């Protein structure tokens, strides 16, 4: 009879049984290690996420106290709504400073209509904004309201 402390003879059934038990233990240890590592990663990322959100909120609070947030918002608005210059408007419409308002309107109508049918909506928008810019410039110079 085999005692619990003796190793079974090689090739015998108890030897194979002990080998299978050993493999089973190793398998479950690896799976448990994988579960532990996965849980650590999930918990760690949750902790880091909460810390990041808290730091971001604190930074926003500090920025609003110092006025940095308002300045950033204003700069973003200025960059987003860039106003077309009069020179750029003249280049788009292909006119000079001496061009009359009637000629500007003829150029505008021609370019706008060309891009209305099968042209580019972007270019059509640029042409329209150029006309608006020159219209504002003419009104600002006191040349009367363009027609």
Protein backbone atom coordinates (compact mmCIF):
# COMPACT_ATOMS: atom_id res chain seq x y z
CA UNK A 1 0.00 0.00 0.00
CA UNK A 2 1.18 3.51 -0.82
CA UNK A 3 1.46 6.09 1.91
CA UNK A 4 0.56 9.73 1.43
CA UNK A 5 4.16 10.82 1.70
CA UNK A 6 5.62 8.46 -0.88
CA UNK A 7 5.82 9.36 -4.53
CA UNK A 8 3.87 6.96 -6.71
CA UNK A 9 5.79 4.75 -9.08
CA UNK A 10 6.27 6.17 -12.54
CA UNK A 11 3.67 4.99 -15.05
CA UNK A 12 1.25 3.82 -12.42
CA UNK A 13 -2.29 5.13 -12.12
CA UNK A 14 -1.59 7.08 -8.91
CA UNK A 15 1.38 8.71 -10.62
CA UNK A 16 -0.81 9.85 -13.53
CA UNK A 17 -3.51 10.98 -11.13
CA UNK A 18 -1.04 13.11 -9.13
CA UNK A 19 0.35 14.55 -12.37
CA UNK A 20 -3.17 15.55 -13.45
CA UNK A 21 -3.85 17.12 -10.05
CA UNK A 22 -0.62 19.09 -10.33
CA UNK A 23 -1.55 20.32 -13.82
CA UNK A 24 -5.01 21.26 -12.61
CA UNK A 25 -3.55 23.28 -9.72
CA UNK A 26 -1.13 25.07 -12.05
CA UNK A 27 -3.95 25.82 -14.50
CA UNK A 28 -6.20 27.35 -11.83
CA UNK A 29 -3.31 29.29 -10.34
CA UNK A 30 -2.65 30.87 -13.75
CA UNK A 31 -6.33 31.65 -14.26
CA UNK A 32 -6.57 33.15 -10.79
CA UNK A 33 -3.45 35.20 -11.47
CA UNK A 34 -5.05 36.46 -14.70
CA UNK A 35 -8.23 37.38 -12.87
CA UNK A 36 -6.26 39.18 -10.20
CA UNK A 37 -4.26 41.12 -12.79
CA UNK A 38 -7.44 42.02 -14.71
CA UNK A 39 -9.12 43.22 -11.52
CA UNK A 40 -6.08 45.29 -10.61
CA UNK A 41 -6.07 46.91 -14.05
CA UNK A 42 -9.79 47.71 -13.86
CA UNK A 43 -9.58 49.10 -10.33
CA UNK A 44 -6.42 51.06 -11.14
CA UNK A 45 -7.93 52.65 -14.23
CA UNK A 46 -11.08 53.56 -12.29
CA UNK A 47 -8.99 55.23 -9.59
CA UNK A 48 -6.89 57.09 -12.17
CA UNK A 49 -10.03 58.15 -14.05
CA UNK A 50 -11.61 59.57 -10.92
CA UNK A 51 -8.38 61.37 -10.03
CA UNK A 52 -8.16 62.85 -13.53
CA UNK A 53 -11.76 64.10 -13.42
CA UNK A 54 -11.20 65.61 -9.98
CA UNK A 55 -7.99 67.34 -11.13
CA UNK A 56 -9.75 68.68 -14.23
CA UNK A 57 -12.60 70.11 -12.16
CA UNK A 58 -10.11 71.71 -9.80
CA UNK A 59 -8.20 73.23 -12.72
CA UNK A 60 -11.43 74.68 -14.12
CA UNK A 61 -12.30 76.14 -10.73
CA UNK A 62 -8.84 77.70 -10.40
CA UNK A 63 -8.97 79.05 -13.94
CA UNK A 64 -12.36 80.65 -13.46
CA UNK A 65 -11.12 82.36 -10.29
CA UNK A 66 -8.14 83.84 -12.11
CA UNK A 67 -10.03 84.82 -15.25
CA UNK A 68 -8.00 82.53 -17.49
CA UNK A 69 -11.12 80.64 -18.56
CA UNK A 70 -12.87 83.78 -19.79
CA UNK A 71 -9.79 84.83 -21.74
CA UNK A 72 -9.53 81.39 -23.32
CA UNK A 73 -13.18 81.46 -24.33
CA UNK A 74 -12.80 84.91 -25.86
CA UNK A 75 -9.70 83.83 -27.81
CA UNK A 76 -11.54 80.77 -29.09
CA UNK A 77 -14.47 82.89 -30.23
CA UNK A 78 -12.14 85.35 -31.96
CA UNK A 79 -10.30 82.56 -33.78
CA UNK A 80 -13.54 80.81 -34.74
CA UNK A 81 -15.24 83.88 -36.16
CA UNK A 82 -12.38 85.42 -38.13
CA UNK A 83 -13.63 88.51 -39.92
CA UNK A 84 -12.71 88.93 -43.57
CA UNK A 85 -10.52 91.94 -44.27
CA UNK A 86 -11.40 94.46 -46.96
CA UNK A 87 -8.25 93.52 -48.90
CA UNK A 88 -9.21 89.84 -48.85
CA UNK A 89 -12.74 90.71 -49.99
CA UNK A 90 -11.35 92.75 -52.91
CA UNK A 91 -9.08 89.85 -53.92
CA UNK A 92 -11.99 87.40 -53.89
CA UNK A 93 -14.18 89.62 -56.07
CA UNK A 94 -11.26 90.78 -58.22
CA UNK A 95 -11.85 94.51 -57.69
CA UNK A 96 -9.69 97.47 -56.65
CA UNK A 97 -10.30 100.34 -54.26
CA UNK A 98 -11.34 102.58 -57.16
CA UNK A 99 -13.99 100.15 -58.43
CA UNK A 100 -17.52 101.54 -58.23
CA UNK A 101 -20.22 99.82 -56.23
CA UNK A 102 -22.14 98.95 -59.39
CA UNK A 103 -19.10 97.12 -60.82
CA UNK A 104 -18.60 95.32 -57.50
CA UNK A 105 -22.22 94.14 -57.64
CA UNK A 106 -21.79 92.96 -61.25
CA UNK A 107 -18.71 90.93 -60.23
CA UNK A 108 -20.59 89.59 -57.21
CA UNK A 109 -23.62 88.54 -59.27
CA UNK A 110 -21.42 86.84 -61.88
CA UNK A 111 -19.33 84.88 -59.36
CA UNK A 112 -22.32 84.02 -57.19
CA UNK A 113 -24.35 82.68 -60.14
CA UNK A 114 -21.42 80.66 -61.52
CA UNK A 115 -21.08 78.82 -58.23
CA UNK A 116 -24.83 78.49 -57.65
CA UNK A 117 -25.47 75.93 -60.39
CA UNK A 118 -22.71 73.31 -60.33
CA UNK A 119 -20.05 75.20 -58.44
CA UNK A 120 -18.70 75.16 -54.94
CA UNK A 121 -20.88 76.19 -52.01
CA UNK A 122 -17.69 77.17 -50.15
CA UNK A 123 -16.63 79.58 -52.90
CA UNK A 124 -20.17 80.90 -53.16
CA UNK A 125 -20.10 81.60 -49.41
CA UNK A 126 -16.74 83.35 -49.71
CA UNK A 127 -18.09 85.54 -52.53
CA UNK A 128 -21.14 86.46 -50.43
CA UNK A 129 -18.99 87.27 -47.36
CA UNK A 130 -16.71 89.40 -49.55
CA UNK A 131 -19.71 91.40 -50.78
CA UNK A 132 -20.92 91.87 -47.21
CA UNK A 133 -17.48 93.05 -46.12
CA UNK A 134 -17.20 95.58 -48.95
CA UNK A 135 -20.78 96.70 -48.32
CA UNK A 136 -19.92 97.43 -44.68
CA UNK A 137 -16.75 99.24 -45.77
CA UNK A 138 -18.71 101.44 -48.20
CA UNK A 139 -21.27 102.28 -45.52
CA UNK A 140 -18.49 103.02 -43.03
CA UNK A 141 -16.81 105.46 -45.42
CA UNK A 142 -20.01 107.47 -45.66
CA UNK A 143 -20.50 106.78 -49.33
CA UNK A 144 -24.16 106.16 -48.74
CA UNK A 145 -25.99 102.90 -48.66
CA UNK A 146 -24.98 100.65 -51.53
CA UNK A 147 -27.86 99.47 -53.66
